[in-house]
Amino acid sequence: MKVEFYYDSTVPPGSAFPCDNTKAVDLKGQQVAFMTYNAAVTGPKSQVRAVFGAKGALQEDFGKNVPALLLFEKDEDRYPNEAFPRSDKELMKTLGCEDALKTLLSKV
């Protein structure tokens, strides 16, 4: 499994998608490539798709005021299996990046 986490220290996370960015890799003002954003929006199945492309979380927000976590089944996969933050219908809440990382670490 491969995990990619995007955030930018020059932009605080939005209040709708809080995240402790001090524990992640910093984009330092660089824009995330459209292909990465597009893979997050179109790659995962709709039930595990991120909030990007909806509710104001657009490409310019990706890794900026909406930190983004992408989970790939294999290193060479082009599209992620899951993207966070995302809505979870079963839990009836938005799962953030930290929620996803805690779940991943509990399985190790």
Protein backbone atom coordinates (compact mmCIF):
# COMPACT_ATOMS: atom_id res chain seq x y z
CA MET A 1 0.00 0.00 0.00
CA LYS A 2 1.13 3.54 -0.75
CA VAL A 3 -0.12 6.60 1.15
CA GLU A 4 0.23 10.21 -0.05
CA PHE A 5 -0.68 13.17 2.18
CA TYR A 6 -0.88 16.70 0.78
CA TYR A 7 -0.98 19.96 2.74
CA ASP A 8 0.54 23.41 2.56
CA SER A 9 1.97 25.15 5.62
CA THR A 10 1.25 28.55 4.09
CA VAL A 11 -2.51 27.88 4.18
CA PRO A 12 -4.30 26.85 7.40
CA PRO A 13 -6.79 23.97 7.07
CA GLY A 14 -10.37 25.14 6.67
CA SER A 15 -12.63 24.81 9.69
CA ALA A 16 -14.76 22.21 7.89
CA PHE A 17 -11.75 19.90 7.41
CA PRO A 18 -9.48 20.27 10.48
CA CYS A 19 -6.14 18.47 10.49
CA ASP A 20 -2.92 18.61 12.50
CA ASN A 21 -0.58 19.40 9.61
CA THR A 22 2.53 19.46 11.77
CA LYS A 23 2.69 15.67 11.35
CA ALA A 24 2.83 15.64 7.54
CA VAL A 25 4.86 16.56 4.45
CA ASP A 26 4.67 20.21 3.43
CA LEU A 27 3.88 21.44 -0.12
CA LYS A 28 5.34 24.86 0.83
CA GLY A 29 3.16 26.92 -1.49
CA GLN A 30 3.35 24.66 -4.54
CA GLN A 31 0.16 23.77 -6.40
CA VAL A 32 -0.74 20.08 -6.56
CA ALA A 33 -0.78 18.83 -10.16
CA PHE A 34 -4.19 18.56 -11.82
CA MET A 35 -3.56 14.86 -12.54
CA THR A 36 -3.21 14.16 -8.81
CA TYR A 37 -6.38 16.11 -8.03
CA ASN A 38 -8.25 14.43 -10.89
CA ALA A 39 -7.17 10.96 -9.70
CA ALA A 40 -8.54 11.75 -6.21
CA VAL A 41 -11.87 12.92 -7.63
CA THR A 42 -12.40 10.20 -10.25
CA GLY A 43 -10.35 7.21 -9.09
CA PRO A 44 -12.04 5.86 -5.96
CA LYS A 45 -15.49 4.29 -6.03
CA SER A 46 -18.18 6.86 -5.34
CA GLN A 47 -18.80 5.56 -1.81
CA VAL A 48 -15.17 6.26 -0.83
CA ARG A 49 -14.59 9.36 -2.91
CA ALA A 50 -13.28 12.52 -1.29
CA VAL A 51 -15.08 15.81 -0.84
CA PHE A 52 -13.06 17.34 -3.67
CA GLY A 53 -15.15 18.65 -6.51
CA ALA A 54 -18.03 19.29 -4.10
CA LYS A 55 -18.81 21.65 -1.24
CA GLY A 56 -16.16 24.15 -2.27
CA ALA A 57 -13.23 21.71 -2.10
CA LEU A 58 -11.85 22.39 -5.55
CA GLN A 59 -8.44 21.81 -7.12
CA GLU A 60 -7.02 25.00 -5.64
CA ASP A 61 -8.07 23.73 -2.17
CA PHE A 62 -6.45 20.31 -2.62
CA GLY A 63 -3.64 20.04 -0.09
CA LYS A 64 -4.18 23.66 0.88
CA ASN A 65 -7.16 24.54 3.09
CA VAL A 66 -8.38 20.95 2.61
CA PRO A 67 -5.50 18.58 3.49
CA ALA A 68 -5.71 15.47 1.31
CA LEU A 69 -4.78 11.86 2.00
CA LEU A 70 -4.71 9.35 -0.87
CA LEU A 71 -4.47 5.58 -0.36
CA PHE A 72 -3.19 3.40 -3.20
CA GLU A 73 -3.37 -0.38 -3.13
CA LYS A 74 -0.04 -0.69 -4.98
CA ASP A 75 2.87 1.71 -5.52
CA GLU A 76 2.39 1.74 -9.28
CA ASP A 77 -1.37 2.44 -9.18
CA ARG A 78 -2.40 5.63 -10.96
CA TYR A 79 -5.69 6.08 -9.10
CA PRO A 80 -6.18 5.85 -5.33
CA ASN A 81 -8.56 3.34 -3.77
CA GLU A 82 -9.63 5.88 -1.18
CA ALA A 83 -9.28 9.63 -0.71
CA PHE A 84 -9.74 11.67 2.46
CA PRO A 85 -11.42 13.73 3.72
CA ARG A 86 -14.62 12.05 2.61
CA SER A 87 -18.15 11.53 3.81
CA ASP A 88 -18.94 8.20 5.43
CA LYS A 89 -22.61 7.27 5.11
CA GLU A 90 -22.43 4.48 7.70
CA LEU A 91 -20.80 6.67 10.35
CA MET A 92 -22.81 9.70 9.17
CA LYS A 93 -19.83 12.04 9.39
CA THR A 94 -16.87 13.33 7.43
CA LEU A 95 -13.73 11.26 7.92
CA GLY A 96 -10.64 13.43 7.96
CA CYS A 97 -7.04 12.59 7.21
CA GLU A 98 -6.19 11.97 10.86
CA ASP A 99 -9.14 9.56 11.21
CA ALA A 100 -7.90 7.60 8.20
CA LEU A 101 -4.30 7.49 9.46
CA LYS A 102 -5.38 6.27 12.90
CA THR A 103 -7.40 3.50 11.26
CA LEU A 104 -4.45 2.52 9.06
CA LEU A 105 -2.05 2.45 12.00
CA SER A 106 -4.41 0.30 14.06
CA LYS A 107 -4.26 -2.35 11.31
CA VAL A 108 -0.45 -2.52 11.30
